[in-house]
Amino acid sequence: MNKIPLIIIGGGLSGLYLAYRLAQEGKVFLLLEARNRLGGRIKTSSAHDLGPTWFWPGQQHMMKLTQELDLQIFEQQNADVIGDILYEDPNTLSQRLPGNQYQMTSYRIQGGISSLIDRLEALLPSSNILLNHKVTSVENQADAIKITTQDNDIVRNFICENVIFALPPRLIESTIQFVPNLNDGIRRDMRAIPTWMAGHAKALIRFQRPFWKDYNLSGQAFSRIGPMMEIHDASSLDLNYALFGFLRGSGLQRKNVGKVELKRLIEEQIQRLFGPEAPTPLEIIIKDWSQDPLTATEKDLEPLQTHPHYRHPESMKNIWQGQMRFIGSELASSEGGYLEGALIAAAETMEEIS
């Protein structure tokens, strides 16, 4: 069996960006991804994002990469046509608030964030990427590292010199067996790192037209009733019109309610907020990341209430004489949890191994 110089485990933005930079330098590597697609928590449906949606001014890695890949970006809301915001709580139904008081510049990618993933994938040799390869064990042998993957009943082994994990630390700790086993301190630090947005769910509500603009509304709303606690205009530049909202409650609560009932409650909320002029949605799509076993663990069922201060624990460095490394948005030196953090973590490791 041929020994591969480097294997990357995880084909989300961080792992894929590292692969892209390695390919530019002519390095030999293999990327293993458990899903049947690349992107990880980045997922787009009908040009609308069900995972990450925005990046912000000052996030230079994202700005430079979108320019390098010739991707079109646009502002979430144009300052001249932002429109009003709606607010509701048990005592206040559909109150209008001036939108310009709450405006914050953010950027989106035309076609959704998956356009970034698709462009990176197109620039990599297809032979360097294996989908449907879920890593089950990693073994440190005398002169190499053995990685075992499983696809249904098919088990495969790969031998490499170095391995880089591009997965959330909690997911690594709970789903992959290590031989010899990682010590308790490393495992404790892995479990303590929350997977950003893993406990959250997004609802996408598609419409024939952006009816809210007829009433000088931005499409943005905030609710203390739910099921959507925060709503935004998800429309794209190619005449795909939609709203999206973050759903309230824990993963377990949403699972108990069920998607059919959640969709009914979402339609009811749209009518309550926007009034009888709101048309029937063309489609409602719910993506609950807490129910995705390739994203969330049991510790992620409860959504985060604040943004953690992410860092790369010292215990997760220099493992197996430096033959095993970890990247990903939760381990970036800055911008942890964001798309920018995923790029920063990969860029920092790229500098180390180049």
Protein backbone atom coordinates (compact mmCIF):
# COMPACT_ATOMS: atom_id res chain seq x y z
CA MET A 1 0.00 0.00 0.00
CA ASN A 2 1.42 3.36 -1.05
CA LYS A 3 2.13 5.83 1.72
CA ILE A 4 0.43 9.20 1.14
CA PRO A 5 2.40 12.22 2.40
CA LEU A 6 -0.68 13.95 3.83
CA ILE A 7 -4.35 13.10 4.40
CA ILE A 8 -6.92 15.79 5.21
CA ILE A 9 -10.01 14.56 7.06
CA GLY A 10 -13.01 16.79 6.42
CA GLY A 11 -14.10 18.64 3.29
CA GLY A 12 -15.68 21.74 4.80
CA LEU A 13 -14.32 25.17 3.94
CA SER A 14 -11.19 24.84 6.10
CA GLY A 15 -10.14 21.44 4.75
CA LEU A 16 -11.01 22.33 1.17
CA TYR A 17 -9.15 25.64 1.31
CA LEU A 18 -6.06 23.89 2.68
CA ALA A 19 -6.31 21.37 -0.16
CA TYR A 20 -6.57 24.21 -2.66
CA ARG A 21 -3.41 25.88 -1.36
CA LEU A 22 -1.56 22.55 -1.26
CA ALA A 23 -2.52 21.85 -4.87
CA GLN A 24 -1.21 25.27 -5.89
CA GLU A 25 2.19 24.29 -4.47
CA GLY A 26 2.13 20.89 -6.17
CA LYS A 27 1.92 18.96 -2.88
CA VAL A 28 0.66 15.38 -2.80
CA PHE A 29 -2.36 14.86 -0.55
CA LEU A 30 -5.71 13.11 -0.24
CA LEU A 31 -8.90 14.60 1.19
CA LEU A 32 -11.45 12.27 2.83
CA GLU A 33 -15.04 13.46 3.31
CA ALA A 34 -17.81 11.51 5.05
CA ARG A 35 -20.67 13.19 3.20
CA ASN A 36 -21.61 12.72 -0.45
CA ARG A 37 -20.76 16.38 -0.98
CA LEU A 38 -18.17 18.93 0.05
CA GLY A 39 -18.85 21.99 2.18
CA GLY A 40 -19.65 20.63 5.65
CA ARG A 41 -21.90 23.18 7.36
CA ILE A 42 -22.07 25.16 4.11
CA LYS A 43 -25.22 24.06 2.30
CA THR A 44 -27.21 25.92 -0.34
CA SER A 45 -30.68 25.22 -1.72
CA SER A 46 -32.02 27.13 -4.75
CA ALA A 47 -29.26 29.75 -4.29
CA HIS A 48 -30.31 30.23 -0.64
CA ASP A 49 -28.00 29.33 2.25
CA LEU A 50 -29.11 26.84 4.90
CA GLY A 51 -25.79 27.18 6.71
CA PRO A 52 -23.48 30.22 6.86
CA THR A 53 -24.87 33.18 4.92
CA TRP A 54 -22.70 36.24 5.47
CA PHE A 55 -19.23 37.60 5.87
CA TRP A 56 -18.38 41.11 7.00
CA PRO A 57 -16.14 44.09 6.21
CA GLY A 58 -12.66 43.58 7.60
CA GLN A 59 -12.70 39.81 7.00
CA GLN A 60 -9.89 40.01 4.49
CA HIS A 61 -9.34 36.31 3.85
CA MET A 62 -12.93 35.93 2.65
CA MET A 63 -12.76 39.12 0.59
CA LYS A 64 -9.50 38.15 -1.08
CA LEU A 65 -10.63 34.59 -1.79
CA THR A 66 -13.90 35.66 -3.41
CA GLN A 67 -11.92 38.05 -5.60
CA GLU A 68 -9.33 35.39 -6.42
CA LEU A 69 -12.07 32.96 -7.44
CA ASP A 70 -13.97 35.66 -9.37
CA LEU A 71 -17.14 35.27 -7.32
CA GLN A 72 -19.78 37.99 -7.28
CA ILE A 73 -20.62 39.40 -3.86
CA PHE A 74 -23.36 41.81 -2.82
CA GLU A 75 -24.52 43.59 0.32
CA GLN A 76 -27.29 42.01 2.37
CA GLN A 77 -29.26 45.27 2.29
CA ASN A 78 -28.68 48.36 0.20
CA ALA A 79 -28.77 51.45 2.44
CA ASP A 80 -31.16 53.26 0.07
CA VAL A 81 -33.84 50.56 0.08
CA ILE A 82 -33.40 48.87 3.45
CA GLY A 83 -37.04 49.21 4.57
CA ASP A 84 -38.50 48.83 8.03
CA ILE A 85 -38.05 45.97 10.49
CA LEU A 86 -40.88 44.11 12.21
CA TYR A 87 -40.92 43.15 15.87
CA GLU A 88 -43.30 41.02 17.94
CA ASP A 89 -43.63 39.76 21.49
CA PRO A 90 -46.61 38.42 23.46
CA ASN A 91 -47.75 42.00 24.13
CA THR A 92 -46.76 43.65 20.83
CA LEU A 93 -47.77 42.20 17.48
CA SER A 94 -46.07 43.30 14.26
CA GLN A 95 -44.57 46.59 15.37
CA ARG A 96 -42.63 48.51 12.69
CA LEU A 97 -39.15 49.83 13.50
CA PRO A 98 -37.02 52.09 11.26
CA GLY A 99 -34.61 49.77 9.45
CA ASN A 100 -31.79 52.27 9.08
CA GLN A 101 -31.31 52.26 12.85
CA TYR A 102 -30.35 48.58 12.76
CA GLN A 103 -28.38 48.39 9.55
CA MET A 104 -25.03 46.63 9.58
CA THR A 105 -23.10 45.96 6.39
CA SER A 106 -22.69 42.30 5.54
CA TYR A 107 -21.82 40.51 2.32
CA ARG A 108 -23.27 37.49 0.56
CA ILE A 109 -22.07 35.49 -2.42
CA GLN A 110 -24.24 35.32 -5.51
CA GLY A 111 -25.53 31.76 -5.84
CA GLY A 112 -24.96 31.11 -2.14
CA ILE A 113 -21.86 30.25 -0.13
CA SER A 114 -21.79 26.85 -1.88
CA SER A 115 -20.58 28.73 -4.96
CA LEU A 116 -17.31 29.19 -3.09
CA ILE A 117 -17.12 25.45 -2.36
CA ASP A 118 -17.98 24.56 -5.97
CA ARG A 119 -15.27 26.86 -7.33
CA LEU A 120 -12.62 25.44 -5.02
CA GLU A 121 -13.63 21.88 -5.87
CA ALA A 122 -13.42 22.61 -9.60
CA LEU A 123 -9.82 23.76 -9.17
CA LEU A 124 -8.72 20.52 -7.47
CA PRO A 125 -7.88 17.20 -9.15
CA SER A 126 -10.86 14.91 -8.61
CA SER A 127 -8.48 12.06 -7.77
CA ASN A 128 -7.40 13.97 -4.64
CA ILE A 129 -10.90 13.88 -3.10
CA LEU A 130 -12.85 10.87 -1.87
CA LEU A 131 -16.47 11.40 -0.81
CA ASN A 132 -18.53 8.97 1.29
CA HIS A 133 -15.43 8.05 3.31
CA LYS A 134 -16.29 8.38 6.99
CA VAL A 135 -13.16 8.01 9.11
CA THR A 136 -13.70 5.58 11.98
CA SER A 137 -10.18 5.12 13.36
CA VAL A 138 -6.69 6.62 13.21
CA GLU A 139 -3.74 4.48 14.31
CA ASN A 140 -0.18 5.63 14.93
CA GLN A 141 2.01 2.80 13.69
CA ALA A 142 5.77 2.52 13.87
CA ASP A 143 6.59 4.52 10.75
CA ALA A 144 3.20 5.70 9.49
CA ILE A 145 -0.41 6.52 10.34
CA LYS A 146 -3.19 4.15 9.33
CA ILE A 147 -6.60 5.67 8.65
CA THR A 148 -9.67 3.48 8.38
CA THR A 149 -12.86 4.63 6.64
CA GLN A 150 -16.28 3.07 6.22
CA ASP A 151 -18.88 3.53 3.50
CA ASN A 152 -21.90 1.38 4.36
CA ASP A 153 -20.30 -2.08 4.64
CA ILE A 154 -17.13 -1.19 2.74
CA VAL A 155 -14.07 -0.68 4.93
CA ARG A 156 -10.93 0.86 3.49
CA ASN A 157 -7.49 1.56 4.92
CA PHE A 158 -5.09 4.35 3.98
CA ILE A 159 -1.47 4.81 5.04
CA CYS A 160 -0.03 8.30 5.38
CA GLU A 161 2.87 10.20 6.90
CA ASN A 162 0.79 13.06 8.30
CA VAL A 163 -2.88 13.70 8.98
CA ILE A 164 -4.78 16.98 9.39
CA PHE A 165 -8.27 16.99 10.88
CA ALA A 166 -10.59 19.65 9.49
CA LEU A 167 -13.60 18.74 11.64
CA PRO A 168 -15.21 20.21 14.76
CA PRO A 169 -13.21 18.95 17.78
CA ARG A 170 -16.30 17.55 19.51
CA LEU A 171 -17.12 15.49 16.43
CA ILE A 172 -13.59 14.11 16.27
CA GLU A 173 -13.61 13.15 19.95
CA SER A 174 -16.98 11.42 19.84
CA THR A 175 -16.83 9.56 16.51
CA ILE A 176 -13.21 8.55 15.82
CA GLN A 177 -11.16 5.91 17.62
CA PHE A 178 -7.48 6.68 18.20
CA VAL A 179 -4.75 4.10 18.65
CA PRO A 180 -3.05 4.73 21.00
CA ASN A 181 -5.91 6.55 22.67
CA LEU A 182 -5.68 10.31 23.18
CA ASN A 183 -5.16 11.22 26.82
CA ASP A 184 -7.97 12.50 29.01
CA GLY A 185 -6.73 16.09 28.88
CA ILE A 186 -6.87 16.24 25.10
CA ARG A 187 -10.32 14.65 25.03
CA ARG A 188 -11.61 17.01 27.72
CA ASP A 189 -10.38 20.04 25.77
CA MET A 190 -11.99 18.72 22.57
CA ARG A 191 -15.36 18.24 24.26
CA ALA A 192 -15.18 21.72 25.75
CA ILE A 193 -15.04 23.43 22.33
CA PRO A 194 -18.62 24.16 21.19
CA THR A 195 -19.35 23.52 17.52
CA TRP A 196 -20.58 26.83 16.19
CA MET A 197 -24.22 26.76 14.98
CA ALA A 198 -24.44 22.98 15.48
CA GLY A 199 -27.39 23.41 17.82
CA HIS A 200 -29.28 25.75 15.51
CA ALA A 201 -31.85 25.28 12.77
CA LYS A 202 -32.75 27.49 9.81
CA ALA A 203 -36.01 27.74 7.92
CA LEU A 204 -36.08 28.92 4.31
CA ILE A 205 -39.40 30.28 3.02
CA ARG A 206 -39.54 30.77 -0.76
CA PHE A 207 -41.97 33.15 -2.49
CA GLN A 208 -42.90 34.03 -6.05
CA ARG A 209 -42.04 37.68 -5.44
CA PRO A 210 -40.61 39.88 -2.63
CA PHE A 211 -44.02 41.06 -1.42
CA TRP A 212 -42.55 42.74 1.69
CA LYS A 213 -40.86 45.41 -0.43
CA ASP A 214 -44.27 46.67 -1.56
CA TYR A 215 -44.83 47.85 2.00
CA ASN A 216 -41.38 49.37 2.57
CA LEU A 217 -40.32 46.39 4.67
CA SER A 218 -36.80 44.98 4.68
CA GLY A 219 -37.93 41.40 5.27
CA GLN A 220 -36.11 41.50 8.60
CA ALA A 221 -38.03 40.70 11.77
CA PHE A 222 -37.39 39.81 15.39
CA SER A 223 -39.75 37.73 17.49
CA ARG A 224 -40.10 36.65 21.10
CA ILE A 225 -42.96 34.34 20.10
CA GLY A 226 -41.50 32.16 17.38
CA PRO A 227 -41.06 29.65 15.96
CA MET A 228 -38.60 31.91 14.10
CA MET A 229 -36.78 34.27 16.45
CA GLU A 230 -34.87 36.17 13.79
CA ILE A 231 -35.86 36.61 10.12
CA HIS A 232 -33.92 38.05 7.18
CA ASP A 233 -34.34 38.61 3.46
CA ALA A 234 -32.63 35.65 1.77
CA SER A 235 -33.33 36.78 -1.81
CA SER A 236 -30.54 36.53 -4.36
CA LEU A 237 -29.74 38.68 -7.38
CA ASP A 238 -31.12 36.11 -9.84
CA LEU A 239 -34.78 36.71 -8.87
CA ASN A 240 -34.95 33.90 -6.30
CA TYR A 241 -37.02 35.40 -3.50
CA ALA A 242 -37.10 34.07 0.03
CA LEU A 243 -37.01 34.83 3.72
CA PHE A 244 -35.01 32.76 6.18
CA GLY A 245 -35.30 32.47 9.92
CA PHE A 246 -33.45 30.96 12.87
CA LEU A 247 -35.75 28.61 14.80
CA ARG A 248 -36.10 28.79 18.57
CA GLY A 249 -35.68 25.98 21.08
CA SER A 250 -33.26 23.10 21.47
CA GLY A 251 -32.68 20.35 18.96
CA LEU A 252 -34.67 17.96 21.14
CA GLN A 253 -37.63 20.37 21.37
CA ARG A 254 -37.70 20.89 17.60
CA LYS A 255 -37.48 17.15 17.00
CA ASN A 256 -40.45 16.56 19.29
CA VAL A 257 -42.52 19.20 17.49
CA GLY A 258 -41.70 17.72 14.08
CA LYS A 259 -41.13 19.40 10.71
CA VAL A 260 -44.77 19.24 9.59
CA GLU A 261 -45.96 21.19 12.63
CA LEU A 262 -42.99 23.57 12.45
CA LYS A 263 -43.87 24.45 8.86
CA ARG A 264 -47.48 25.14 9.86
CA LEU A 265 -46.30 27.40 12.69
CA ILE A 266 -43.92 29.19 10.32
CA GLU A 267 -46.75 29.96 7.87
CA GLU A 268 -48.84 31.20 10.79
CA GLN A 269 -46.01 33.47 11.94
CA ILE A 270 -45.49 34.92 8.45
CA GLN A 271 -49.21 35.83 8.32
CA ARG A 272 -49.06 37.27 11.84
CA LEU A 273 -46.02 39.44 11.13
CA PHE A 274 -46.59 40.53 7.54
CA GLY A 275 -50.37 40.51 7.54
CA PRO A 276 -52.95 39.09 5.10
CA GLU A 277 -50.99 40.48 2.14
CA ALA A 278 -48.37 37.76 2.69
CA PRO A 279 -48.86 35.11 -0.03
CA THR A 280 -48.69 31.36 0.52
CA PRO A 281 -45.04 30.23 0.35
CA LEU A 282 -43.88 28.24 -2.65
CA GLU A 283 -41.83 26.06 -0.34
CA ILE A 284 -40.57 25.85 3.23
CA ILE A 285 -37.26 24.07 3.85
CA ILE A 286 -35.97 23.34 7.36
CA LYS A 287 -32.37 22.40 8.04
CA ASP A 288 -31.81 21.44 11.67
CA TRP A 289 -28.07 21.09 12.12
CA SER A 290 -28.50 19.56 15.57
CA GLN A 291 -30.03 16.49 13.87
CA ASP A 292 -27.07 16.10 11.49
CA PRO A 293 -24.73 13.40 12.89
CA LEU A 294 -21.88 14.67 10.70
CA THR A 295 -22.11 18.09 12.36
CA ALA A 296 -23.49 17.81 15.89
CA THR A 297 -22.98 15.63 18.94
CA GLU A 298 -25.31 15.19 21.91
CA LYS A 299 -23.57 18.11 23.60
CA ASP A 300 -24.69 20.36 20.71
CA LEU A 301 -28.45 19.82 21.07
CA GLU A 302 -28.77 23.02 23.07
CA PRO A 303 -28.07 26.09 20.88
CA LEU A 304 -25.38 28.52 21.99
CA GLN A 305 -26.64 31.78 23.46
CA THR A 306 -23.40 33.71 22.99
CA HIS A 307 -20.45 33.52 20.65
CA PRO A 308 -17.64 31.53 22.36
CA HIS A 309 -14.10 32.80 22.61
CA TYR A 310 -12.49 30.18 20.40
CA ARG A 311 -8.83 29.21 20.65
CA HIS A 312 -6.53 26.31 19.80
CA PRO A 313 -5.79 24.47 23.08
CA GLU A 314 -2.14 23.70 23.72
CA SER A 315 -3.07 20.07 24.38
CA MET A 316 -4.12 19.70 20.73
CA LYS A 317 -0.71 20.74 19.41
CA ASN A 318 2.34 18.58 18.77
CA ILE A 319 0.45 15.28 18.97
CA TRP A 320 2.32 12.24 17.67
CA GLN A 321 5.50 14.27 17.09
CA GLY A 322 3.59 16.77 15.01
CA GLN A 323 2.28 14.19 12.54
CA MET A 324 -1.32 14.98 13.54
CA ARG A 325 -2.75 18.50 13.34
CA PHE A 326 -6.14 20.13 13.69
CA ILE A 327 -7.71 22.99 11.77
CA GLY A 328 -11.22 24.39 11.46
CA SER A 329 -13.12 27.52 12.33
CA GLU A 330 -13.34 26.63 16.04
CA LEU A 331 -9.52 26.47 16.25
CA ALA A 332 -8.61 29.71 14.43
CA SER A 333 -6.49 32.32 16.19
CA SER A 334 -9.17 34.91 15.34
CA GLU A 335 -12.67 35.06 13.82
CA GLY A 336 -13.47 31.66 15.33
CA GLY A 337 -16.81 30.20 14.27
CA TYR A 338 -17.02 32.29 11.10
CA LEU A 339 -16.14 31.48 7.49
CA GLU A 340 -13.19 33.81 7.97
CA GLY A 341 -11.99 31.69 10.88
CA ALA A 342 -12.07 28.55 8.74
CA LEU A 343 -9.76 30.23 6.21
CA ILE A 344 -7.47 31.64 8.90
CA ALA A 345 -7.01 28.24 10.56
CA ALA A 346 -6.12 26.63 7.21
CA ALA A 347 -3.79 29.48 6.25
CA GLU A 348 -1.94 29.27 9.58
CA THR A 349 -1.37 25.55 9.16
CA MET A 350 -0.36 26.03 5.54
CA GLU A 351 2.40 28.38 6.66
CA GLU A 352 3.63 25.81 9.19
CA ILE A 353 3.81 22.89 6.76
CA SER A 354 5.03 24.72 3.65
